[in-house]
């Protein structure tokens, strides 16, 4: 019998899955100077894109030197997500830059492979950013790689 995934953002991913996601972030950030974060919360009380923008600001993701932060926002209860890039990224890339990443993540999410979807999305983000924001020898990890979680 298939086990149901918890909607609680703290329990949505197992401990091992959380470690896999953090490892994927670290690996992706070895390819690019871009900074990637994952934020989980149970549900968004406003349109999910608007909530992702608010979370992006709250997490201080706009404070990177090159304005190259990327947030993956996931509302666990309704399983909606947004990939949001900062101003420096949006100025350097075409309008539909994240569509293939979002499409692949959606495909895996529909198969209940949320960890795989997030990890593959993070890997693809690192690869896509590499040509616009290559990893620099003196690159500093400007944002935490830990998963951000909000309960409300």
N, C-alpha and C. Protein backbone atom coordinates (compact mmCIF):
# COMPACT_ATOMS: atom_id res chain seq x y z
N UNK A 1 0.84 -1.19 0.00
CA UNK A 1 0.00 0.00 0.00
C UNK A 1 0.88 1.25 0.00
N UNK A 2 0.51 2.21 -0.84
CA UNK A 2 1.30 3.42 -0.99
C UNK A 2 1.09 4.34 0.21
N UNK A 3 2.18 4.88 0.74
CA UNK A 3 2.09 5.79 1.87
C UNK A 3 1.80 7.19 1.36
N UNK A 4 0.88 7.87 2.06
CA UNK A 4 0.50 9.22 1.66
C UNK A 4 1.54 10.23 2.13
N UNK A 5 1.90 11.15 1.26
CA UNK A 5 2.88 12.17 1.60
C UNK A 5 2.23 13.22 2.50
N UNK A 6 2.92 13.59 3.56
CA UNK A 6 2.42 14.60 4.49
C UNK A 6 2.33 15.96 3.80
N UNK A 7 1.31 16.72 4.13
CA UNK A 7 1.18 18.09 3.62
C UNK A 7 1.94 19.07 4.52
N UNK A 8 2.32 18.61 5.72
CA UNK A 8 3.11 19.43 6.64
C UNK A 8 4.46 19.71 5.99
N UNK A 9 4.81 20.98 5.79
CA UNK A 9 6.07 21.28 5.09
C UNK A 9 7.31 20.74 5.79
N UNK A 10 7.24 20.57 7.13
CA UNK A 10 8.39 20.00 7.85
C UNK A 10 8.56 18.51 7.57
N UNK A 11 7.47 17.84 7.21
CA UNK A 11 7.50 16.39 7.00
C UNK A 11 7.29 16.00 5.54
N UNK A 12 7.15 17.00 4.66
CA UNK A 12 6.89 16.73 3.24
C UNK A 12 8.01 15.90 2.62
N UNK A 13 9.25 16.23 2.99
CA UNK A 13 10.42 15.48 2.55
C UNK A 13 11.01 14.76 3.76
N UNK A 14 11.48 13.55 3.55
CA UNK A 14 12.17 12.82 4.62
C UNK A 14 13.52 13.49 4.88
N UNK A 15 14.17 13.09 5.97
CA UNK A 15 15.50 13.63 6.27
C UNK A 15 16.49 13.34 5.14
N UNK A 16 16.44 12.12 4.60
CA UNK A 16 17.35 11.76 3.51
C UNK A 16 17.04 12.59 2.26
N UNK A 17 15.75 12.81 1.99
CA UNK A 17 15.39 13.63 0.82
C UNK A 17 15.88 15.06 0.99
N UNK A 18 15.75 15.59 2.20
CA UNK A 18 16.25 16.96 2.46
C UNK A 18 17.75 17.04 2.20
N UNK A 19 18.48 16.02 2.65
CA UNK A 19 19.93 16.00 2.41
C UNK A 19 20.25 15.91 0.91
N UNK A 20 19.48 15.14 0.17
CA UNK A 20 19.67 15.05 -1.29
C UNK A 20 19.42 16.40 -1.95
N UNK A 21 18.41 17.11 -1.50
CA UNK A 21 18.11 18.43 -2.06
C UNK A 21 19.24 19.41 -1.77
N UNK A 22 19.71 19.43 -0.54
CA UNK A 22 20.82 20.33 -0.18
C UNK A 22 22.07 19.98 -0.98
N UNK A 23 22.33 18.69 -1.16
CA UNK A 23 23.48 18.27 -1.98
C UNK A 23 23.31 18.73 -3.43
N UNK A 24 22.09 18.67 -3.95
CA UNK A 24 21.83 19.13 -5.33
C UNK A 24 22.08 20.63 -5.44
N UNK A 25 21.69 21.39 -4.43
CA UNK A 25 21.93 22.84 -4.43
C UNK A 25 23.44 23.11 -4.45
N UNK A 26 24.17 22.44 -3.57
CA UNK A 26 25.63 22.64 -3.50
C UNK A 26 26.29 22.29 -4.83
N UNK A 27 25.87 21.18 -5.44
CA UNK A 27 26.45 20.76 -6.72
C UNK A 27 26.12 21.76 -7.82
N UNK A 28 24.89 22.22 -7.86
CA UNK A 28 24.49 23.19 -8.90
C UNK A 28 25.26 24.49 -8.73
N UNK A 29 25.48 24.91 -7.50
CA UNK A 29 26.19 26.17 -7.25
C UNK A 29 27.68 26.05 -7.51
N UNK A 30 28.19 24.86 -7.78
CA UNK A 30 29.59 24.69 -8.22
C UNK A 30 29.72 24.97 -9.72
N UNK A 31 28.59 25.08 -10.42
CA UNK A 31 28.59 25.37 -11.86
C UNK A 31 28.33 26.84 -12.15
N UNK A 32 27.77 27.54 -11.18
CA UNK A 32 27.31 28.91 -11.43
C UNK A 32 27.52 29.77 -10.20
N UNK A 33 27.63 31.07 -10.44
CA UNK A 33 27.68 32.00 -9.31
C UNK A 33 26.27 32.28 -8.79
N UNK A 34 25.26 31.74 -9.47
CA UNK A 34 23.88 31.90 -9.03
C UNK A 34 23.65 31.22 -7.69
N UNK A 35 22.65 31.71 -6.97
CA UNK A 35 22.30 31.18 -5.66
C UNK A 35 20.90 30.59 -5.74
N UNK A 36 20.74 29.35 -5.26
CA UNK A 36 19.46 28.64 -5.37
C UNK A 36 18.94 28.31 -3.98
N UNK A 37 17.65 28.57 -3.76
CA UNK A 37 17.00 28.23 -2.49
C UNK A 37 15.70 27.51 -2.76
N UNK A 38 15.31 26.65 -1.84
CA UNK A 38 14.00 26.00 -1.85
C UNK A 38 13.25 26.47 -0.62
N UNK A 39 12.02 26.90 -0.83
CA UNK A 39 11.15 27.30 0.29
C UNK A 39 9.88 26.48 0.24
N UNK A 40 9.50 25.91 1.39
CA UNK A 40 8.28 25.13 1.51
C UNK A 40 7.33 25.80 2.49
N UNK A 41 6.06 25.79 2.16
CA UNK A 41 5.04 26.14 3.13
C UNK A 41 3.76 25.41 2.76
N UNK A 42 2.89 25.28 3.74
CA UNK A 42 1.71 24.44 3.54
C UNK A 42 0.82 24.95 2.42
N UNK A 43 0.50 26.24 2.45
CA UNK A 43 -0.34 26.79 1.37
C UNK A 43 -0.09 28.29 1.26
N UNK A 44 -0.42 28.79 0.11
CA UNK A 44 -0.34 30.23 -0.14
C UNK A 44 -1.75 30.80 -0.03
N UNK A 45 -1.89 31.85 0.74
CA UNK A 45 -3.21 32.47 0.90
C UNK A 45 -3.48 33.51 -0.19
N UNK A 46 -2.51 33.71 -1.04
CA UNK A 46 -2.68 34.60 -2.19
C UNK A 46 -2.17 33.87 -3.42
N UNK A 47 -2.31 34.45 -4.61
CA UNK A 47 -1.77 33.76 -5.80
C UNK A 47 -0.32 33.32 -5.56
N UNK A 48 -0.02 32.10 -5.94
CA UNK A 48 1.26 31.48 -5.60
C UNK A 48 2.46 32.31 -6.10
N UNK A 49 2.35 32.93 -7.27
CA UNK A 49 3.45 33.76 -7.77
C UNK A 49 3.66 34.95 -6.84
N UNK A 50 2.59 35.59 -6.42
CA UNK A 50 2.70 36.74 -5.52
C UNK A 50 3.33 36.34 -4.19
N UNK A 51 2.95 35.17 -3.69
CA UNK A 51 3.54 34.70 -2.43
C UNK A 51 5.02 34.40 -2.63
N UNK A 52 5.39 33.82 -3.76
CA UNK A 52 6.81 33.53 -4.03
C UNK A 52 7.62 34.82 -4.05
N UNK A 53 7.06 35.89 -4.63
CA UNK A 53 7.76 37.19 -4.65
C UNK A 53 7.97 37.68 -3.22
N UNK A 54 6.94 37.57 -2.38
CA UNK A 54 7.05 38.01 -0.99
C UNK A 54 8.11 37.19 -0.23
N UNK A 55 8.12 35.88 -0.44
CA UNK A 55 9.10 35.01 0.21
C UNK A 55 10.51 35.35 -0.28
N UNK A 56 10.65 35.58 -1.58
CA UNK A 56 11.94 35.95 -2.16
C UNK A 56 12.52 37.16 -1.42
N UNK A 57 11.67 38.16 -1.22
CA UNK A 57 12.10 39.38 -0.51
C UNK A 57 12.40 39.08 0.95
N UNK A 58 11.53 38.32 1.61
CA UNK A 58 11.70 38.00 3.03
C UNK A 58 13.00 37.25 3.28
N UNK A 59 13.37 36.35 2.37
CA UNK A 59 14.60 35.58 2.52
C UNK A 59 15.85 36.38 2.14
N UNK A 60 15.68 37.62 1.68
CA UNK A 60 16.81 38.46 1.31
C UNK A 60 17.52 38.00 0.05
N UNK A 61 16.78 37.33 -0.82
CA UNK A 61 17.40 36.78 -2.01
C UNK A 61 17.83 37.83 -3.02
N UNK A 62 17.31 39.04 -2.90
CA UNK A 62 17.69 40.12 -3.79
C UNK A 62 19.00 40.79 -3.40
N UNK A 63 19.64 40.29 -2.35
CA UNK A 63 20.87 40.93 -1.87
C UNK A 63 22.14 40.33 -2.46
N UNK A 64 22.02 39.43 -3.43
CA UNK A 64 23.24 38.88 -4.03
C UNK A 64 23.90 39.93 -4.91
N UNK A 65 25.20 39.89 -4.99
CA UNK A 65 25.96 40.90 -5.72
C UNK A 65 25.54 41.02 -7.18
N UNK A 66 25.28 39.88 -7.82
CA UNK A 66 24.95 39.89 -9.24
C UNK A 66 23.44 39.79 -9.50
N UNK A 67 22.65 39.89 -8.43
CA UNK A 67 21.18 39.77 -8.55
C UNK A 67 20.83 38.48 -9.29
N UNK A 68 21.45 37.37 -8.84
CA UNK A 68 21.28 36.10 -9.54
C UNK A 68 20.79 34.97 -8.62
N UNK A 69 19.89 35.32 -7.72
CA UNK A 69 19.27 34.32 -6.86
C UNK A 69 18.08 33.69 -7.56
N UNK A 70 17.82 32.41 -7.25
CA UNK A 70 16.67 31.69 -7.79
C UNK A 70 15.96 31.01 -6.63
N UNK A 71 14.66 31.24 -6.54
CA UNK A 71 13.84 30.61 -5.52
C UNK A 71 12.92 29.59 -6.16
N UNK A 72 12.90 28.39 -5.58
CA UNK A 72 11.86 27.41 -5.91
C UNK A 72 10.92 27.45 -4.71
N UNK A 73 9.71 27.92 -4.95
CA UNK A 73 8.69 28.02 -3.90
C UNK A 73 7.69 26.88 -4.12
N UNK A 74 7.43 26.10 -3.07
CA UNK A 74 6.51 24.97 -3.17
C UNK A 74 5.50 25.02 -2.03
N UNK A 75 4.22 25.15 -2.39
CA UNK A 75 3.12 25.06 -1.43
C UNK A 75 2.73 23.59 -1.36
N UNK A 76 2.99 22.95 -0.22
CA UNK A 76 2.86 21.49 -0.12
C UNK A 76 1.42 21.00 -0.13
N UNK A 77 0.49 21.77 0.42
CA UNK A 77 -0.89 21.30 0.51
C UNK A 77 -1.55 21.18 -0.87
N UNK A 78 -1.39 22.23 -1.67
CA UNK A 78 -2.01 22.19 -3.00
C UNK A 78 -0.99 21.86 -4.10
N UNK A 79 0.25 21.62 -3.69
CA UNK A 79 1.31 21.20 -4.58
C UNK A 79 1.48 22.13 -5.79
N UNK A 80 1.46 23.41 -5.50
CA UNK A 80 1.76 24.42 -6.52
C UNK A 80 3.18 24.90 -6.30
N UNK A 81 3.86 25.27 -7.39
CA UNK A 81 5.22 25.78 -7.22
C UNK A 81 5.50 26.87 -8.24
N UNK A 82 6.53 27.65 -7.91
CA UNK A 82 7.00 28.74 -8.77
C UNK A 82 8.52 28.72 -8.76
N UNK A 83 9.12 28.98 -9.90
CA UNK A 83 10.56 29.21 -9.99
C UNK A 83 10.72 30.70 -10.26
N UNK A 84 11.41 31.38 -9.38
CA UNK A 84 11.51 32.83 -9.47
C UNK A 84 12.97 33.26 -9.48
N UNK A 85 13.39 33.94 -10.54
CA UNK A 85 14.75 34.44 -10.65
C UNK A 85 14.81 35.93 -10.35
N UNK A 86 15.95 36.38 -9.86
CA UNK A 86 16.15 37.79 -9.53
C UNK A 86 16.36 38.63 -10.79
N UNK A 87 16.42 39.91 -10.59
CA UNK A 87 16.51 40.90 -11.66
C UNK A 87 17.68 40.65 -12.62
N UNK A 88 18.84 40.33 -12.09
CA UNK A 88 20.01 40.10 -12.95
C UNK A 88 19.79 38.94 -13.91
N UNK A 89 19.13 37.91 -13.44
CA UNK A 89 18.81 36.76 -14.29
C UNK A 89 17.78 37.15 -15.33
N UNK A 90 16.70 37.79 -14.88
CA UNK A 90 15.63 38.16 -15.79
C UNK A 90 16.08 39.10 -16.90
N UNK A 91 17.09 39.93 -16.62
CA UNK A 91 17.62 40.83 -17.65
C UNK A 91 18.52 40.10 -18.64
N UNK A 92 19.05 38.93 -18.25
CA UNK A 92 20.03 38.22 -19.08
C UNK A 92 19.45 37.06 -19.88
N UNK A 93 18.25 36.64 -19.55
CA UNK A 93 17.71 35.42 -20.17
C UNK A 93 16.40 35.71 -20.90
N UNK A 94 16.00 34.81 -21.82
CA UNK A 94 14.72 35.00 -22.51
C UNK A 94 13.53 34.86 -21.55
N UNK A 95 12.39 35.34 -21.97
CA UNK A 95 11.20 35.40 -21.14
C UNK A 95 10.76 34.05 -20.57
N UNK A 96 10.80 33.02 -21.36
CA UNK A 96 10.32 31.70 -20.92
C UNK A 96 11.46 30.78 -20.47
N UNK A 97 12.47 31.36 -19.88
CA UNK A 97 13.70 30.67 -19.50
C UNK A 97 13.47 29.45 -18.61
N UNK A 98 12.50 29.51 -17.70
CA UNK A 98 12.28 28.45 -16.73
C UNK A 98 11.25 27.42 -17.19
N UNK A 99 10.64 27.59 -18.34
CA UNK A 99 9.55 26.70 -18.75
C UNK A 99 9.94 25.23 -18.81
N UNK A 100 11.11 24.91 -19.35
CA UNK A 100 11.50 23.50 -19.44
C UNK A 100 11.79 22.92 -18.06
N UNK A 101 12.35 23.73 -17.17
CA UNK A 101 12.60 23.27 -15.80
C UNK A 101 11.26 23.00 -15.11
N UNK A 102 10.35 23.96 -15.20
CA UNK A 102 9.03 23.80 -14.57
C UNK A 102 8.28 22.61 -15.16
N UNK A 103 8.39 22.42 -16.46
CA UNK A 103 7.73 21.29 -17.11
C UNK A 103 8.25 19.95 -16.60
N UNK A 104 9.55 19.84 -16.49
CA UNK A 104 10.15 18.58 -15.99
C UNK A 104 9.77 18.35 -14.54
N UNK A 105 9.82 19.40 -13.73
CA UNK A 105 9.44 19.25 -12.33
C UNK A 105 7.98 18.83 -12.21
N UNK A 106 7.11 19.45 -12.98
CA UNK A 106 5.67 19.11 -12.96
C UNK A 106 5.45 17.65 -13.31
N UNK A 107 6.19 17.19 -14.32
CA UNK A 107 6.06 15.79 -14.76
C UNK A 107 6.41 14.84 -13.61
N UNK A 108 7.50 15.10 -12.92
CA UNK A 108 7.91 14.24 -11.82
C UNK A 108 6.97 14.38 -10.62
N UNK A 109 6.49 15.60 -10.36
CA UNK A 109 5.54 15.80 -9.26
C UNK A 109 4.27 14.99 -9.48
N UNK A 110 3.79 14.94 -10.73
CA UNK A 110 2.57 14.17 -11.04
C UNK A 110 2.77 12.69 -10.77
N UNK A 111 4.02 12.23 -10.81
CA UNK A 111 4.34 10.83 -10.51
C UNK A 111 4.65 10.65 -9.02
N UNK A 112 4.40 11.68 -8.21
CA UNK A 112 4.67 11.70 -6.77
C UNK A 112 6.17 11.55 -6.48
N UNK A 113 6.98 12.05 -7.39
CA UNK A 113 8.44 12.02 -7.22
C UNK A 113 8.91 13.45 -6.93
N UNK A 114 8.51 13.95 -5.76
CA UNK A 114 8.78 15.35 -5.43
C UNK A 114 10.26 15.63 -5.20
N UNK A 115 10.94 14.74 -4.50
CA UNK A 115 12.37 14.94 -4.28
C UNK A 115 13.13 14.89 -5.61
N UNK A 116 12.81 13.92 -6.44
CA UNK A 116 13.45 13.82 -7.76
C UNK A 116 13.16 15.08 -8.58
N UNK A 117 11.92 15.56 -8.52
CA UNK A 117 11.54 16.75 -9.28
C UNK A 117 12.31 17.97 -8.83
N UNK A 118 12.41 18.16 -7.52
CA UNK A 118 13.15 19.32 -7.00
C UNK A 118 14.63 19.19 -7.33
N UNK A 119 15.20 18.01 -7.10
CA UNK A 119 16.64 17.82 -7.37
C UNK A 119 16.96 18.00 -8.86
N UNK A 120 16.12 17.44 -9.72
CA UNK A 120 16.36 17.59 -11.16
C UNK A 120 16.18 19.05 -11.58
N UNK A 121 15.19 19.72 -11.00
CA UNK A 121 14.98 21.14 -11.29
C UNK A 121 16.19 21.97 -10.88
N UNK A 122 16.73 21.69 -9.70
CA UNK A 122 17.91 22.42 -9.21
C UNK A 122 19.10 22.18 -10.14
N UNK A 123 19.30 20.93 -10.55
CA UNK A 123 20.39 20.60 -11.47
C UNK A 123 20.23 21.36 -12.78
N UNK A 124 19.03 21.37 -13.32
CA UNK A 124 18.76 22.08 -14.58
C UNK A 124 18.98 23.59 -14.41
N UNK A 125 18.59 24.15 -13.27
CA UNK A 125 18.80 25.57 -13.02
C UNK A 125 20.29 25.88 -13.03
N UNK A 126 21.09 25.06 -12.35
CA UNK A 126 22.54 25.26 -12.34
C UNK A 126 23.13 25.22 -13.73
N UNK A 127 22.69 24.25 -14.54
CA UNK A 127 23.19 24.12 -15.91
C UNK A 127 22.78 25.32 -16.75
N UNK A 128 21.54 25.77 -16.61
CA UNK A 128 21.05 26.89 -17.41
C UNK A 128 21.75 28.21 -17.02
N UNK A 129 22.03 28.38 -15.74
CA UNK A 129 22.67 29.62 -15.29
C UNK A 129 24.16 29.69 -15.61
N UNK A 130 24.75 28.52 -15.81
CA UNK A 130 26.21 28.46 -16.01
C UNK A 130 26.68 29.37 -17.15
N UNK A 131 25.96 29.41 -18.26
CA UNK A 131 26.41 30.23 -19.39
C UNK A 131 26.24 31.72 -19.13
N UNK A 132 25.27 32.09 -18.31
CA UNK A 132 25.03 33.51 -18.04
C UNK A 132 25.76 33.98 -16.78
N UNK A 133 25.91 33.09 -15.82
CA UNK A 133 26.54 33.41 -14.54
C UNK A 133 27.49 32.27 -14.16
N UNK A 134 28.64 32.20 -14.84
CA UNK A 134 29.57 31.08 -14.57
C UNK A 134 30.11 31.14 -13.14
N UNK A 135 30.52 29.99 -12.65
CA UNK A 135 31.14 29.90 -11.33
C UNK A 135 32.47 30.64 -11.39
N UNK A 136 32.73 31.44 -10.40
CA UNK A 136 33.97 32.21 -10.34
C UNK A 136 34.87 31.63 -9.26
N UNK A 137 36.17 31.69 -9.47
CA UNK A 137 37.13 31.12 -8.52
C UNK A 137 36.96 31.70 -7.12
N UNK A 138 36.61 32.97 -7.04
CA UNK A 138 36.45 33.62 -5.73
C UNK A 138 34.98 33.69 -5.29
N UNK A 139 34.16 32.82 -5.88
CA UNK A 139 32.73 32.82 -5.58
C UNK A 139 32.47 32.56 -4.10
N UNK A 140 31.57 33.35 -3.55
CA UNK A 140 31.16 33.18 -2.16
C UNK A 140 29.73 32.68 -2.15
N UNK A 141 29.44 31.76 -1.25
CA UNK A 141 28.07 31.27 -1.08
C UNK A 141 27.31 32.37 -0.33
N UNK A 142 26.54 33.15 -1.06
CA UNK A 142 25.90 34.34 -0.49
C UNK A 142 24.61 34.03 0.26
N UNK A 143 23.97 32.91 -0.05
CA UNK A 143 22.71 32.54 0.59
C UNK A 143 22.81 31.12 1.15
N UNK A 144 22.07 30.87 2.20
CA UNK A 144 22.05 29.54 2.81
C UNK A 144 21.56 28.50 1.80
N UNK A 145 22.11 27.30 1.90
CA UNK A 145 21.66 26.18 1.07
C UNK A 145 20.57 25.37 1.77
N UNK A 146 20.30 25.70 3.01
CA UNK A 146 19.28 24.99 3.78
C UNK A 146 17.90 25.26 3.20
N UNK A 147 17.00 24.31 3.40
CA UNK A 147 15.62 24.46 2.94
C UNK A 147 14.90 25.39 3.91
N UNK A 148 14.25 26.38 3.36
CA UNK A 148 13.47 27.32 4.17
C UNK A 148 12.05 26.77 4.30
N UNK A 149 11.51 26.78 5.53
CA UNK A 149 10.17 26.22 5.77
C UNK A 149 9.36 27.21 6.60
N UNK A 150 8.13 27.42 6.16
CA UNK A 150 7.18 28.27 6.89
C UNK A 150 5.93 27.45 7.17
N UNK A 151 5.48 27.43 8.42
CA UNK A 151 4.38 26.56 8.82
C UNK A 151 3.00 27.10 8.51
N UNK A 152 2.83 28.36 8.46
CA UNK A 152 1.49 28.96 8.41
C UNK A 152 0.84 28.86 7.06
